[in-house]
Amino acid sequence: MILDTNAISALQGNDKKLIAKLCSQVDLMLNLISLGEYRYGIDGSRHRDELSAWLDALTRRAKVLTPDLKTLPFYSQIRHELKTAGTPIPANDVWIAAICRQHKLPILSRDAHFDKIKGLKRITW
C-alpha cells in the first residue's frame, strides 16, 4: 500500500493503529506528491529541523514512487472518470490515485474522497 499525506503524519506521530497496519508490509511505499505536501507542512512548522530529519530518515528506508510518462494515462483516465461522475477531488490526490492505479496498490489514507475512484482500494486505520 502507498501512504497518503495523512498517513505520513500519523506515522510521524507514532499512531499505534496505523503502525499496526504497516507491520504486515514488507516495503514502505511513499509517493512523491504526498512527500511534497508533507514537506510543505514542515516548512511552516516551528519543529522544522526535527521533522526534516525524520522525513529524511523515512525516505532513506522507503520506496518512493514518482509520476512518470507511464502515469499519464492513469491520471487522465481518473480525472475524466471523476469529471464525468461530477465528483472532483483535489488535483494532488488525482496524481496519488494515478500512481496507486499504475502500480496496482491500495492507498493508506483517511481521505474518503479516494473512495470515489473506481478500482482504487482505500485502507484506513
PDB file of N, CA and C in Angstrom:
ATOM      1  N   MET A   1       0.834  -1.181   0.000  1.00  0.00           N
ATOM      2  CA  MET A   1       0.000   0.000   0.000  1.00  0.00           C
ATOM      3  C   MET A   1       0.879   1.245   0.000  1.00  0.00           C
ATOM      4  N   ILE A   2       0.320   2.309  -0.536  1.00  0.00           N
ATOM      5  CA  ILE A   2       1.035   3.579  -0.653  1.00  0.00           C
ATOM      6  C   ILE A   2       0.469   4.546   0.384  1.00  0.00           C
ATOM      7  N   LEU A   3       1.340   5.198   1.126  1.00  0.00           N
ATOM      8  CA  LEU A   3       0.901   6.119   2.168  1.00  0.00           C
ATOM      9  C   LEU A   3       0.536   7.482   1.590  1.00  0.00           C
ATOM     10  N   ASP A   4      -0.639   7.953   1.989  1.00  0.00           N
ATOM     11  CA  ASP A   4      -1.078   9.307   1.676  1.00  0.00           C
ATOM     12  C   ASP A   4      -0.457  10.249   2.712  1.00  0.00           C
ATOM     13  N   THR A   5      -0.622  11.532   2.509  1.00  0.00           N
ATOM     14  CA  THR A   5      -0.022  12.531   3.389  1.00  0.00           C
ATOM     15  C   THR A   5      -0.482  12.361   4.834  1.00  0.00           C
ATOM     16  N   ASN A   6      -1.766  12.107   5.043  1.00  0.00           N
ATOM     17  CA  ASN A   6      -2.236  11.975   6.423  1.00  0.00           C
ATOM     18  C   ASN A   6      -1.687  10.714   7.087  1.00  0.00           C
ATOM     19  N   ALA A   7      -1.359   9.697   6.300  1.00  0.00           N
ATOM     20  CA  ALA A   7      -0.724   8.503   6.859  1.00  0.00           C
ATOM     21  C   ALA A   7       0.726   8.805   7.255  1.00  0.00           C
ATOM     22  N   ILE A   8       1.406   9.613   6.458  1.00  0.00           N
ATOM     23  CA  ILE A   8       2.777  10.009   6.815  1.00  0.00           C
ATOM     24  C   ILE A   8       2.745  10.793   8.127  1.00  0.00           C
ATOM     25  N   SER A   9       1.792  11.693   8.263  1.00  0.00           N
ATOM     26  CA  SER A   9       1.662  12.478   9.503  1.00  0.00           C
ATOM     27  C   SER A   9       1.380  11.573  10.695  1.00  0.00           C
ATOM     28  N   ALA A  10       0.498  10.609  10.504  1.00  0.00           N
ATOM     29  CA  ALA A  10       0.168   9.690  11.594  1.00  0.00           C
ATOM     30  C   ALA A  10       1.361   8.809  11.955  1.00  0.00           C
ATOM     31  N   LEU A  11       2.137   8.435  10.959  1.00  0.00           N
ATOM     32  CA  LEU A  11       3.339   7.650  11.222  1.00  0.00           C
ATOM     33  C   LEU A  11       4.326   8.467  12.055  1.00  0.00           C
ATOM     34  N   GLN A  12       4.517   9.713  11.689  1.00  0.00           N
ATOM     35  CA  GLN A  12       5.417  10.583  12.441  1.00  0.00           C
ATOM     36  C   GLN A  12       4.919  10.742  13.877  1.00  0.00           C
ATOM     37  N   GLY A  13       3.619  10.741  14.061  1.00  0.00           N
ATOM     38  CA  GLY A  13       3.028  10.871  15.395  1.00  0.00           C
ATOM     39  C   GLY A  13       2.936   9.562  16.160  1.00  0.00           C
ATOM     40  N   ASN A  14       3.515   8.497  15.594  1.00  0.00           N
ATOM     41  CA  ASN A  14       3.513   7.170  16.227  1.00  0.00           C
ATOM     42  C   ASN A  14       2.111   6.656  16.523  1.00  0.00           C
ATOM     43  N   ASP A  15       1.191   6.890  15.583  1.00  0.00           N
ATOM     44  CA  ASP A  15      -0.179   6.401  15.712  1.00  0.00           C
ATOM     45  C   ASP A  15      -0.155   4.866  15.751  1.00  0.00           C
ATOM     46  N   LYS A  16      -0.568   4.297  16.860  1.00  0.00           N
ATOM     47  CA  LYS A  16      -0.474   2.851  17.067  1.00  0.00           C
ATOM     48  C   LYS A  16      -1.334   2.052  16.088  1.00  0.00           C
ATOM     49  N   LYS A  17      -2.517   2.553  15.762  1.00  0.00           N
ATOM     50  CA  LYS A  17      -3.382   1.844  14.804  1.00  0.00           C
ATOM     51  C   LYS A  17      -2.751   1.825  13.416  1.00  0.00           C
ATOM     52  N   LEU A  18      -2.167   2.935  13.018  1.00  0.00           N
ATOM     53  CA  LEU A  18      -1.507   2.997  11.717  1.00  0.00           C
ATOM     54  C   LEU A  18      -0.294   2.067  11.696  1.00  0.00           C
ATOM     55  N   ILE A  19       0.500   2.113  12.734  1.00  0.00           N
ATOM     56  CA  ILE A  19       1.693   1.276  12.797  1.00  0.00           C
ATOM     57  C   ILE A  19       1.312  -0.202  12.739  1.00  0.00           C
ATOM     58  N   ALA A  20       0.204  -0.578  13.373  1.00  0.00           N
ATOM     59  CA  ALA A  20      -0.266  -1.965  13.312  1.00  0.00           C
ATOM     60  C   ALA A  20      -0.603  -2.358  11.871  1.00  0.00           C
ATOM     61  N   LYS A  21      -1.179  -1.431  11.110  1.00  0.00           N
ATOM     62  CA  LYS A  21      -1.483  -1.699   9.692  1.00  0.00           C
ATOM     63  C   LYS A  21      -0.202  -1.909   8.892  1.00  0.00           C
ATOM     64  N   LEU A  22       0.831  -1.167   9.227  1.00  0.00           N
ATOM     65  CA  LEU A  22       2.078  -1.227   8.471  1.00  0.00           C
ATOM     66  C   LEU A  22       2.951  -2.422   8.837  1.00  0.00           C
ATOM     67  N   CYS A  23       2.713  -3.028   9.980  1.00  0.00           N
ATOM     68  CA  CYS A  23       3.565  -4.132  10.439  1.00  0.00           C
ATOM     69  C   CYS A  23       3.594  -5.304   9.462  1.00  0.00           C
ATOM     70  N   SER A  24       2.521  -5.526   8.741  1.00  0.00           N
ATOM     71  CA  SER A  24       2.469  -6.657   7.807  1.00  0.00           C
ATOM     72  C   SER A  24       3.078  -6.316   6.440  1.00  0.00           C
ATOM     73  N   GLN A  25       3.509  -5.086   6.252  1.00  0.00           N
ATOM     74  CA  GLN A  25       4.039  -4.660   4.966  1.00  0.00           C
ATOM     75  C   GLN A  25       5.534  -4.943   4.861  1.00  0.00           C
ATOM     76  N   VAL A  26       5.931  -5.521   3.750  1.00  0.00           N
ATOM     77  CA  VAL A  26       7.344  -5.800   3.517  1.00  0.00           C
ATOM     78  C   VAL A  26       8.085  -4.501   3.208  1.00  0.00           C
ATOM     79  N   ASP A  27       7.532  -3.708   2.297  1.00  0.00           N
ATOM     80  CA  ASP A  27       8.154  -2.450   1.879  1.00  0.00           C
ATOM     81  C   ASP A  27       7.268  -1.278   2.279  1.00  0.00           C
ATOM     82  N   LEU A  28       7.901  -0.219   2.708  1.00  0.00           N
ATOM     83  CA  LEU A  28       7.190   1.014   2.992  1.00  0.00           C
ATOM     84  C   LEU A  28       7.139   1.799   1.688  1.00  0.00           C
ATOM     85  N   MET A  29       5.937   2.078   1.200  1.00  0.00           N
ATOM     86  CA  MET A  29       5.746   2.728  -0.095  1.00  0.00           C
ATOM     87  C   MET A  29       5.226   4.149   0.108  1.00  0.00           C
ATOM     88  N   LEU A  30       5.963   5.102  -0.431  1.00  0.00           N
ATOM     89  CA  LEU A  30       5.578   6.504  -0.383  1.00  0.00           C
ATOM     90  C   LEU A  30       5.414   7.006  -1.809  1.00  0.00           C
ATOM     91  N   ASN A  31       4.829   8.175  -1.945  1.00  0.00           N
ATOM     92  CA  ASN A  31       4.730   8.792  -3.270  1.00  0.00           C
ATOM     93  C   ASN A  31       5.223  10.228  -3.171  1.00  0.00           C
ATOM     94  N   LEU A  32       5.799  10.688  -4.252  1.00  0.00           N
ATOM     95  CA  LEU A  32       6.429  11.998  -4.289  1.00  0.00           C
ATOM     96  C   LEU A  32       5.453  13.131  -3.978  1.00  0.00           C
ATOM     97  N   ILE A  33       4.212  12.988  -4.388  1.00  0.00           N
ATOM     98  CA  ILE A  33       3.236  14.059  -4.181  1.00  0.00           C
ATOM     99  C   ILE A  33       2.954  14.234  -2.690  1.00  0.00           C
ATOM    100  N   SER A  34       2.697  13.138  -1.984  1.00  0.00           N
ATOM    101  CA  SER A  34       2.460  13.224  -0.537  1.00  0.00           C
ATOM    102  C   SER A  34       3.686  13.730   0.196  1.00  0.00           C
ATOM    103  N   LEU A  35       4.852  13.317  -0.254  1.00  0.00           N
ATOM    104  CA  LEU A  35       6.080  13.822   0.367  1.00  0.00           C
ATOM    105  C   LEU A  35       6.199  15.334   0.182  1.00  0.00           C
ATOM    106  N   GLY A  36       5.813  15.823  -0.990  1.00  0.00           N
ATOM    107  CA  GLY A  36       5.827  17.269  -1.224  1.00  0.00           C
ATOM    108  C   GLY A  36       4.843  17.994  -0.325  1.00  0.00           C
ATOM    109  N   GLU A  37       3.656  17.439  -0.159  1.00  0.00           N
ATOM    110  CA  GLU A  37       2.665  18.057   0.724  1.00  0.00           C
ATOM    111  C   GLU A  37       3.165  18.067   2.169  1.00  0.00           C
ATOM    112  N   TYR A  38       3.743  16.952   2.589  1.00  0.00           N
ATOM    113  CA  TYR A  38       4.246  16.866   3.956  1.00  0.00           C
ATOM    114  C   TYR A  38       5.400  17.849   4.176  1.00  0.00           C
ATOM    115  N   ARG A  39       6.290  17.919   3.185  1.00  0.00           N
ATOM    116  CA  ARG A  39       7.422  18.844   3.278  1.00  0.00           C
ATOM    117  C   ARG A  39       6.944  20.295   3.362  1.00  0.00           C
ATOM    118  N   TYR A  40       5.896  20.612   2.635  1.00  0.00           N
ATOM    119  CA  TYR A  40       5.304  21.949   2.706  1.00  0.00           C
ATOM    120  C   TYR A  40       4.857  22.244   4.137  1.00  0.00           C
ATOM    121  N   GLY A  41       4.232  21.270   4.779  1.00  0.00           N
ATOM    122  CA  GLY A  41       3.816  21.436   6.171  1.00  0.00           C
ATOM    123  C   GLY A  41       5.001  21.637   7.099  1.00  0.00           C
ATOM    124  N   ILE A  42       6.060  20.896   6.858  1.00  0.00           N
ATOM    125  CA  ILE A  42       7.272  21.035   7.671  1.00  0.00           C
ATOM    126  C   ILE A  42       7.820  22.458   7.581  1.00  0.00           C
ATOM    127  N   ASP A  43       7.839  22.992   6.384  1.00  0.00           N
ATOM    128  CA  ASP A  43       8.425  24.319   6.184  1.00  0.00           C
ATOM    129  C   ASP A  43       7.690  25.404   6.966  1.00  0.00           C
ATOM    130  N   GLY A  44       6.453  25.159   7.336  1.00  0.00           N
ATOM    131  CA  GLY A  44       5.699  26.119   8.130  1.00  0.00           C
ATOM    132  C   GLY A  44       5.682  25.792   9.617  1.00  0.00           C
ATOM    133  N   SER A  45       6.421  24.762  10.011  1.00  0.00           N
ATOM    134  CA  SER A  45       6.399  24.297  11.398  1.00  0.00           C
ATOM    135  C   SER A  45       7.531  24.903  12.225  1.00  0.00           C
ATOM    136  N   ARG A  46       7.269  25.089  13.492  1.00  0.00           N
ATOM    137  CA  ARG A  46       8.341  25.543  14.393  1.00  0.00           C
ATOM    138  C   ARG A  46       9.265  24.382  14.768  1.00  0.00           C
ATOM    139  N   HIS A  47       8.885  23.142  14.375  1.00  0.00           N
ATOM    140  CA  HIS A  47       9.706  21.945  14.609  1.00  0.00           C
ATOM    141  C   HIS A  47      10.396  21.508  13.315  1.00  0.00           C
ATOM    142  N   ARG A  48      10.675  22.479  12.460  1.00  0.00           N
ATOM    143  CA  ARG A  48      11.204  22.230  11.116  1.00  0.00           C
ATOM    144  C   ARG A  48      12.433  21.316  11.106  1.00  0.00           C
ATOM    145  N   ASP A  49      13.401  21.569  11.953  1.00  0.00           N
ATOM    146  CA  ASP A  49      14.639  20.784  11.942  1.00  0.00           C
ATOM    147  C   ASP A  49      14.388  19.332  12.331  1.00  0.00           C
ATOM    148  N   GLU A  50      13.629  19.129  13.386  1.00  0.00           N
ATOM    149  CA  GLU A  50      13.316  17.773  13.860  1.00  0.00           C
ATOM    150  C   GLU A  50      12.514  17.000  12.816  1.00  0.00           C
ATOM    151  N   LEU A  51      11.494  17.634  12.259  1.00  0.00           N
ATOM    152  CA  LEU A  51      10.647  16.960  11.269  1.00  0.00           C
ATOM    153  C   LEU A  51      11.400  16.715   9.967  1.00  0.00           C
ATOM    154  N   SER A  52      12.266  17.627   9.576  1.00  0.00           N
ATOM    155  CA  SER A  52      13.075  17.430   8.368  1.00  0.00           C
ATOM    156  C   SER A  52      13.985  16.214   8.522  1.00  0.00           C
ATOM    157  N   ALA A  53      14.605  16.088   9.678  1.00  0.00           N
ATOM    158  CA  ALA A  53      15.476  14.932   9.935  1.00  0.00           C
ATOM    159  C   ALA A  53      14.667  13.640   9.914  1.00  0.00           C
ATOM    160  N   TRP A  54      13.478  13.668  10.500  1.00  0.00           N
ATOM    161  CA  TRP A  54      12.616  12.485  10.498  1.00  0.00           C
ATOM    162  C   TRP A  54      12.227  12.102   9.068  1.00  0.00           C
ATOM    163  N   LEU A  55      11.847  13.100   8.273  1.00  0.00           N
ATOM    164  CA  LEU A  55      11.451  12.835   6.892  1.00  0.00           C
ATOM    165  C   LEU A  55      12.622  12.290   6.071  1.00  0.00           C
ATOM    166  N   ASP A  56      13.791  12.842   6.259  1.00  0.00           N
ATOM    167  CA  ASP A  56      14.974  12.342   5.551  1.00  0.00           C
ATOM    168  C   ASP A  56      15.225  10.873   5.882  1.00  0.00           C
ATOM    169  N   ALA A  57      15.111  10.512   7.161  1.00  0.00           N
ATOM    170  CA  ALA A  57      15.315   9.119   7.574  1.00  0.00           C
ATOM    171  C   ALA A  57      14.243   8.218   6.963  1.00  0.00           C
ATOM    172  N   LEU A  58      13.015   8.697   6.933  1.00  0.00           N
ATOM    173  CA  LEU A  58      11.918   7.914   6.355  1.00  0.00           C
ATOM    174  C   LEU A  58      12.150   7.647   4.874  1.00  0.00           C
ATOM    175  N   THR A  59      12.522   8.667   4.133  1.00  0.00           N
ATOM    176  CA  THR A  59      12.690   8.499   2.686  1.00  0.00           C
ATOM    177  C   THR A  59      13.893   7.629   2.345  1.00  0.00           C
ATOM    178  N   ARG A  60      14.864   7.553   3.242  1.00  0.00           N
ATOM    179  CA  ARG A  60      16.014   6.671   3.001  1.00  0.00           C
ATOM    180  C   ARG A  60      15.638   5.198   3.115  1.00  0.00           C
ATOM    181  N   ARG A  61      14.642   4.882   3.945  1.00  0.00           N
ATOM    182  CA  ARG A  61      14.295   3.475   4.139  1.00  0.00           C
ATOM    183  C   ARG A  61      13.045   3.036   3.376  1.00  0.00           C
ATOM    184  N   ALA A  62      12.400   3.958   2.706  1.00  0.00           N
ATOM    185  CA  ALA A  62      11.169   3.648   1.985  1.00  0.00           C
ATOM    186  C   ALA A  62      11.411   3.639   0.477  1.00  0.00           C
ATOM    187  N   LYS A  63      10.483   3.036  -0.230  1.00  0.00           N
ATOM    188  CA  LYS A  63      10.481   3.114  -1.688  1.00  0.00           C
ATOM    189  C   LYS A  63       9.583   4.287  -2.061  1.00  0.00           C
ATOM    190  N   VAL A  64      10.127   5.224  -2.825  1.00  0.00           N
ATOM    191  CA  VAL A  64       9.372   6.413  -3.224  1.00  0.00           C
ATOM    192  C   VAL A  64       8.965   6.255  -4.691  1.00  0.00           C
ATOM    193  N   LEU A  65       7.663   6.235  -4.920  1.00  0.00           N
ATOM    194  CA  LEU A  65       7.128   6.136  -6.282  1.00  0.00           C
ATOM    195  C   LEU A  65       6.886   7.536  -6.813  1.00  0.00           C
ATOM    196  N   THR A  66       7.306   7.750  -8.041  1.00  0.00           N
ATOM    197  CA  THR A  66       7.168   9.067  -8.655  1.00  0.00           C
ATOM    198  C   THR A  66       6.324   8.973  -9.914  1.00  0.00           C
ATOM    199  N   PRO A  67       5.586  10.033 -10.228  1.00  0.00           N
ATOM    200  CA  PRO A  67       4.875  10.030 -11.504  1.00  0.00           C
ATOM    201  C   PRO A  67       5.886  10.092 -12.645  1.00  0.00           C
ATOM    202  N   ASP A  68       5.577   9.391 -13.718  1.00  0.00           N
ATOM    203  CA  ASP A  68       6.424   9.409 -14.910  1.00  0.00           C
ATOM    204  C   ASP A  68       5.511   9.363 -16.135  1.00  0.00           C
ATOM    205  N   LEU A  69       6.075   9.185 -17.283  1.00  0.00           N
ATOM    206  CA  LEU A  69       5.259   9.174 -18.508  1.00  0.00           C
ATOM    207  C   LEU A  69       4.235   8.045 -18.501  1.00  0.00           C
ATOM    208  N   LYS A  70       4.538   6.940 -17.840  1.00  0.00           N
ATOM    209  CA  LYS A  70       3.592   5.825 -17.761  1.00  0.00           C
ATOM    210  C   LYS A  70       2.417   6.147 -16.842  1.00  0.00           C
ATOM    211  N   THR A  71       2.567   7.156 -15.997  1.00  0.00           N
ATOM    212  CA  THR A  71       1.498   7.566 -15.081  1.00  0.00           C
ATOM    213  C   THR A  71       0.427   8.390 -15.800  1.00  0.00           C
ATOM    214  N   LEU A  72       0.816   9.051 -16.880  1.00  0.00           N
ATOM    215  CA  LEU A  72      -0.089   9.998 -17.556  1.00  0.00           C
ATOM    216  C   LEU A  72      -1.441   9.412 -17.942  1.00  0.00           C
ATOM    217  N   PRO A  73      -1.510   8.232 -18.577  1.00  0.00           N
ATOM    218  CA  PRO A  73      -2.842   7.725 -18.926  1.00  0.00           C
ATOM    219  C   PRO A  73      -3.698   7.401 -17.705  1.00  0.00           C
ATOM    220  N   PHE A  74      -3.090   6.979 -16.615  1.00  0.00           N
ATOM    221  CA  PHE A  74      -3.849   6.699 -15.392  1.00  0.00           C
ATOM    222  C   PHE A  74      -4.421   7.990 -14.820  1.00  0.00           C
ATOM    223  N   TYR A  75      -3.605   9.041 -14.811  1.00  0.00           N
ATOM    224  CA  TYR A  75      -4.055  10.342 -14.330  1.00  0.00           C
ATOM    225  C   TYR A  75      -5.225  10.836 -15.180  1.00  0.00           C
ATOM    226  N   SER A  76      -5.051  10.810 -16.484  1.00  0.00           N
ATOM    227  CA  SER A  76      -6.085  11.304 -17.390  1.00  0.00           C
ATOM    228  C   SER A  76      -7.377  10.516 -17.242  1.00  0.00           C
ATOM    229  N   GLN A  77      -7.264   9.216 -17.170  1.00  0.00           N
ATOM    230  CA  GLN A  77      -8.455   8.358 -17.040  1.00  0.00           C
ATOM    231  C   GLN A  77      -9.199   8.657 -15.738  1.00  0.00           C
ATOM    232  N   ILE A  78      -8.486   8.745 -14.646  1.00  0.00           N
ATOM    233  CA  ILE A  78      -9.136   9.025 -13.354  1.00  0.00           C
ATOM    234  C   ILE A  78      -9.790  10.395 -13.366  1.00  0.00           C
ATOM    235  N   ARG A  79      -9.095  11.380 -13.904  1.00  0.00           N
ATOM    236  CA  ARG A  79      -9.652  12.733 -13.930  1.00  0.00           C
ATOM    237  C   ARG A  79     -10.922  12.793 -14.775  1.00  0.00           C
ATOM    238  N   HIS A  80     -10.913  12.097 -15.924  1.00  0.00           N
ATOM    239  CA  HIS A  80     -12.125  12.043 -16.764  1.00  0.00           C
ATOM    240  C   HIS A  80     -13.258  11.303 -16.057  1.00  0.00           C
ATOM    241  N   GLU A  81     -12.955  10.219 -15.395  1.00  0.00           N
ATOM    242  CA  GLU A  81     -13.988   9.474 -14.658  1.00  0.00           C
ATOM    243  C   GLU A  81     -14.636  10.352 -13.590  1.00  0.00           C
ATOM    244  N   LEU A  82     -13.814  11.071 -12.845  1.00  0.00           N
ATOM    245  CA  LEU A  82     -14.337  11.929 -11.786  1.00  0.00           C
ATOM    246  C   LEU A  82     -15.144  13.097 -12.343  1.00  0.00           C
ATOM    247  N   LYS A  83     -14.673  13.678 -13.435  1.00  0.00           N
ATOM    248  CA  LYS A  83     -15.399  14.792 -14.055  1.00  0.00           C
ATOM    249  C   LYS A  83     -16.748  14.325 -14.584  1.00  0.00           C
ATOM    250  N   THR A  84     -16.761  13.187 -15.249  1.00  0.00           N
ATOM    251  CA  THR A  84     -17.999  12.635 -15.799  1.00  0.00           C
ATOM    252  C   THR A  84     -19.008  12.335 -14.689  1.00  0.00           C
ATOM    253  N   ALA A  85     -18.502  11.823 -13.572  1.00  0.00           N
ATOM    254  CA  ALA A  85     -19.375  11.496 -12.445  1.00  0.00           C
ATOM    255  C   ALA A  85     -19.747  12.722 -11.618  1.00  0.00           C
ATOM    256  N   GLY A  86     -19.115  13.862 -11.896  1.00  0.00           N
ATOM    257  CA  GLY A  86     -19.381  15.082 -11.134  1.00  0.00           C
ATOM    258  C   GLY A  86     -18.844  15.006  -9.713  1.00  0.00           C
ATOM    259  N   THR A  87     -17.743  14.262  -9.551  1.00  0.00           N
ATOM    260  CA  THR A  87     -17.176  14.076  -8.219  1.00  0.00           C
ATOM    261  C   THR A  87     -15.680  14.401  -8.201  1.00  0.00           C
ATOM    262  N   PRO A  88     -15.328  15.655  -8.460  1.00  0.00           N
ATOM    263  CA  PRO A  88     -13.899  16.002  -8.463  1.00  0.00           C
ATOM    264  C   PRO A  88     -13.288  15.849  -7.078  1.00  0.00           C
ATOM    265  N   ILE A  89     -11.987  15.635  -7.056  1.00  0.00           N
ATOM    266  CA  ILE A  89     -11.228  15.590  -5.813  1.00  0.00           C
ATOM    267  C   ILE A  89     -10.012  16.501  -5.999  1.00  0.00           C
ATOM    268  N   PRO A  90      -9.286  16.815  -4.924  1.00  0.00           N
ATOM    269  CA  PRO A  90      -8.106  17.687  -5.078  1.00  0.00           C
ATOM    270  C   PRO A  90      -7.127  17.143  -6.125  1.00  0.00           C
ATOM    271  N   ALA A  91      -6.548  18.054  -6.896  1.00  0.00           N
ATOM    272  CA  ALA A  91      -5.666  17.670  -8.009  1.00  0.00           C
ATOM    273  C   ALA A  91      -4.507  16.789  -7.567  1.00  0.00           C
ATOM    274  N   ASN A  92      -3.872  17.114  -6.449  1.00  0.00           N
ATOM    275  CA  ASN A  92      -2.764  16.279  -5.989  1.00  0.00           C
ATOM    276  C   ASN A  92      -3.221  14.851  -5.709  1.00  0.00           C
ATOM    277  N   ASP A  93      -4.444  14.698  -5.223  1.00  0.00           N
ATOM    278  CA  ASP A  93      -4.939  13.357  -4.916  1.00  0.00           C
ATOM    279  C   ASP A  93      -5.239  12.553  -6.178  1.00  0.00           C
ATOM    280  N   VAL A  94      -5.534  13.241  -7.277  1.00  0.00           N
ATOM    281  CA  VAL A  94      -5.676  12.528  -8.547  1.00  0.00           C
ATOM    282  C   VAL A  94      -4.327  11.924  -8.940  1.00  0.00           C
ATOM    283  N   TRP A  95      -3.255  12.679  -8.779  1.00  0.00           N
ATOM    284  CA  TRP A  95      -1.912  12.154  -9.076  1.00  0.00           C
ATOM    285  C   TRP A  95      -1.569  10.972  -8.174  1.00  0.00           C
ATOM    286  N   ILE A  96      -1.892  11.092  -6.889  1.00  0.00           N
ATOM    287  CA  ILE A  96      -1.624   9.995  -5.955  1.00  0.00           C
ATOM    288  C   ILE A  96      -2.415   8.754  -6.370  1.00  0.00           C
ATOM    289  N   ALA A  97      -3.679   8.937  -6.710  1.00  0.00           N
ATOM    290  CA  ALA A  97      -4.510   7.812  -7.153  1.00  0.00           C
ATOM    291  C   ALA A  97      -3.967   7.199  -8.434  1.00  0.00           C
ATOM    292  N   ALA A  98      -3.467   8.033  -9.344  1.00  0.00           N
ATOM    293  CA  ALA A  98      -2.903   7.529 -10.597  1.00  0.00           C
ATOM    294  C   ALA A  98      -1.679   6.652 -10.332  1.00  0.00           C
ATOM    295  N   ILE A  99      -0.841   7.066  -9.394  1.00  0.00           N
ATOM    296  CA  ILE A  99       0.320   6.253  -9.036  1.00  0.00           C
ATOM    297  C   ILE A  99      -0.139   4.925  -8.432  1.00  0.00           C
ATOM    298  N   CYS A 100      -1.160   4.973  -7.586  1.00  0.00           N
ATOM    299  CA  CYS A 100      -1.701   3.740  -6.996  1.00  0.00           C
ATOM    300  C   CYS A 100      -2.238   2.809  -8.082  1.00  0.00           C
ATOM    301  N   ARG A 101      -3.007   3.359  -8.991  1.00  0.00           N
ATOM    302  CA  ARG A 101      -3.580   2.537 -10.063  1.00  0.00           C
ATOM    303  C   ARG A 101      -2.476   1.987 -10.968  1.00  0.00           C
ATOM    304  N   GLN A 102      -1.507   2.801 -11.284  1.00  0.00           N
ATOM    305  CA  GLN A 102      -0.394   2.376 -12.134  1.00  0.00           C
ATOM    306  C   GLN A 102       0.341   1.175 -11.525  1.00  0.00           C
ATOM    307  N   HIS A 103       0.551   1.215 -10.226  1.00  0.00           N
ATOM    308  CA  HIS A 103       1.316   0.163  -9.556  1.00  0.00           C
ATOM    309  C   HIS A 103       0.430  -0.922  -8.938  1.00  0.00           C
ATOM    310  N   LYS A 104      -0.899  -0.782  -9.166  1.00  0.00           N
ATOM    311  CA  LYS A 104      -1.865  -1.757  -8.654  1.00  0.00           C
ATOM    312  C   LYS A 104      -1.747  -1.928  -7.134  1.00  0.00           C
ATOM    313  N   LEU A 105      -1.686  -0.794  -6.439  1.00  0.00           N
ATOM    314  CA  LEU A 105      -1.540  -0.797  -4.987  1.00  0.00           C
ATOM    315  C   LEU A 105      -2.653   0.026  -4.348  1.00  0.00           C
ATOM    316  N   PRO A 106      -3.101  -0.364  -3.156  1.00  0.00           N
ATOM    317  CA  PRO A 106      -4.095   0.443  -2.437  1.00  0.00           C
ATOM    318  C   PRO A 106      -3.450   1.670  -1.813  1.00  0.00           C
ATOM    319  N   ILE A 107      -4.310   2.598  -1.397  1.00  0.00           N
ATOM    320  CA  ILE A 107      -3.862   3.816  -0.729  1.00  0.00           C
ATOM    321  C   ILE A 107      -4.195   3.699   0.758  1.00  0.00           C
ATOM    322  N   LEU A 108      -3.262   4.062   1.610  1.00  0.00           N
ATOM    323  CA  LEU A 108      -3.492   4.120   3.048  1.00  0.00           C
ATOM    324  C   LEU A 108      -3.792   5.572   3.373  1.00  0.00           C
ATOM    325  N   SER A 109      -5.068   5.860   3.645  1.00  0.00           N
ATOM    326  CA  SER A 109      -5.494   7.247   3.815  1.00  0.00           C
ATOM    327  C   SER A 109      -6.778   7.325   4.615  1.00  0.00           C
ATOM    328  N   ARG A 110      -6.968   8.444   5.265  1.00  0.00           N
ATOM    329  CA  ARG A 110      -8.239   8.730   5.933  1.00  0.00           C
ATOM    330  C   ARG A 110      -9.151   9.578   5.051  1.00  0.00           C
ATOM    331  N   ASP A 111      -8.696   9.942   3.853  1.00  0.00           N
ATOM    332  CA  ASP A 111      -9.496  10.777   2.948  1.00  0.00           C
ATOM    333  C   ASP A 111     -10.499   9.923   2.181  1.00  0.00           C
ATOM    334  N   ALA A 112     -11.782  10.063   2.555  1.00  0.00           N
ATOM    335  CA  ALA A 112     -12.838   9.257   1.948  1.00  0.00           C
ATOM    336  C   ALA A 112     -13.043   9.580   0.473  1.00  0.00           C
ATOM    337  N   HIS A 113     -12.582  10.731  -0.013  1.00  0.00           N
ATOM    338  CA  HIS A 113     -12.812  11.039  -1.425  1.00  0.00           C
ATOM    339  C   HIS A 113     -12.066  10.070  -2.346  1.00  0.00           C
ATOM    340  N   PHE A 114     -11.078   9.335  -1.839  1.00  0.00           N
ATOM    341  CA  PHE A 114     -10.436   8.315  -2.667  1.00  0.00           C
ATOM    342  C   PHE A 114     -11.417   7.188  -3.010  1.00  0.00           C
ATOM    343  N   ASP A 115     -12.473   7.051  -2.209  1.00  0.00           N
ATOM    344  CA  ASP A 115     -13.486   6.016  -2.475  1.00  0.00           C
ATOM    345  C   ASP A 115     -14.279   6.298  -3.755  1.00  0.00           C
ATOM    346  N   LYS A 116     -14.213   7.515  -4.260  1.00  0.00           N
ATOM    347  CA  LYS A 116     -14.912   7.873  -5.488  1.00  0.00           C
ATOM    348  C   LYS A 116     -14.219   7.332  -6.735  1.00  0.00           C
ATOM    349  N   ILE A 117     -13.020   6.803  -6.579  1.00  0.00           N
ATOM    350  CA  ILE A 117     -12.224   6.357  -7.723  1.00  0.00           C
ATOM    351  C   ILE A 117     -12.407   4.856  -7.910  1.00  0.00           C
ATOM    352  N   LYS A 118     -12.978   4.502  -9.060  1.00  0.00           N
ATOM    353  CA  LYS A 118     -13.234   3.103  -9.354  1.00  0.00           C
ATOM    354  C   LYS A 118     -11.937   2.295  -9.343  1.00  0.00           C
ATOM    355  N   GLY A 119     -12.015   1.142  -8.694  1.00  0.00           N
ATOM    356  CA  GLY A 119     -10.882   0.228  -8.715  1.00  0.00           C
ATOM    357  C   GLY A 119      -9.757   0.579  -7.756  1.00  0.00           C
ATOM    358  N   LEU A 120      -9.904   1.660  -7.003  1.00  0.00           N
ATOM    359  CA  LEU A 120      -8.867   2.035  -6.052  1.00  0.00           C
ATOM    360  C   LEU A 120      -9.332   1.609  -4.661  1.00  0.00           C
ATOM    361  N   LYS A 121      -8.542   0.792  -4.017  1.00  0.00           N
ATOM    362  CA  LYS A 121      -8.872   0.351  -2.667  1.00  0.00           C
ATOM    363  C   LYS A 121      -8.220   1.301  -1.672  1.00  0.00           C
ATOM    364  N   ARG A 122      -9.050   1.816  -0.769  1.00  0.00           N
ATOM    365  CA  ARG A 122      -8.542   2.681   0.300  1.00  0.00           C
ATOM    366  C   ARG A 122      -8.558   1.905   1.609  1.00  0.00           C
ATOM    367  N   ILE A 123      -7.437   1.939   2.279  1.00  0.00           N
ATOM    368  CA  ILE A 123      -7.316   1.313   3.586  1.00  0.00           C
ATOM    369  C   ILE A 123      -7.183   2.441   4.593  1.00  0.00           C
ATOM    370  N   THR A 124      -7.909   2.321   5.669  1.00  0.00           N
ATOM    371  CA  THR A 124      -7.848   3.346   6.702  1.00  0.00           C
ATOM    372  C   THR A 124      -7.445   2.703   8.015  1.00  0.00           C
ATOM    373  N   TRP A 125      -7.326   3.480   9.025  1.00  0.00           N
ATOM    374  CA  TRP A 125      -6.957   2.964  10.343  1.00  0.00           C
ATOM    375  C   TRP A 125      -7.737   3.678  11.410  1.00  0.00           C
TER     376      TRP A 125
END
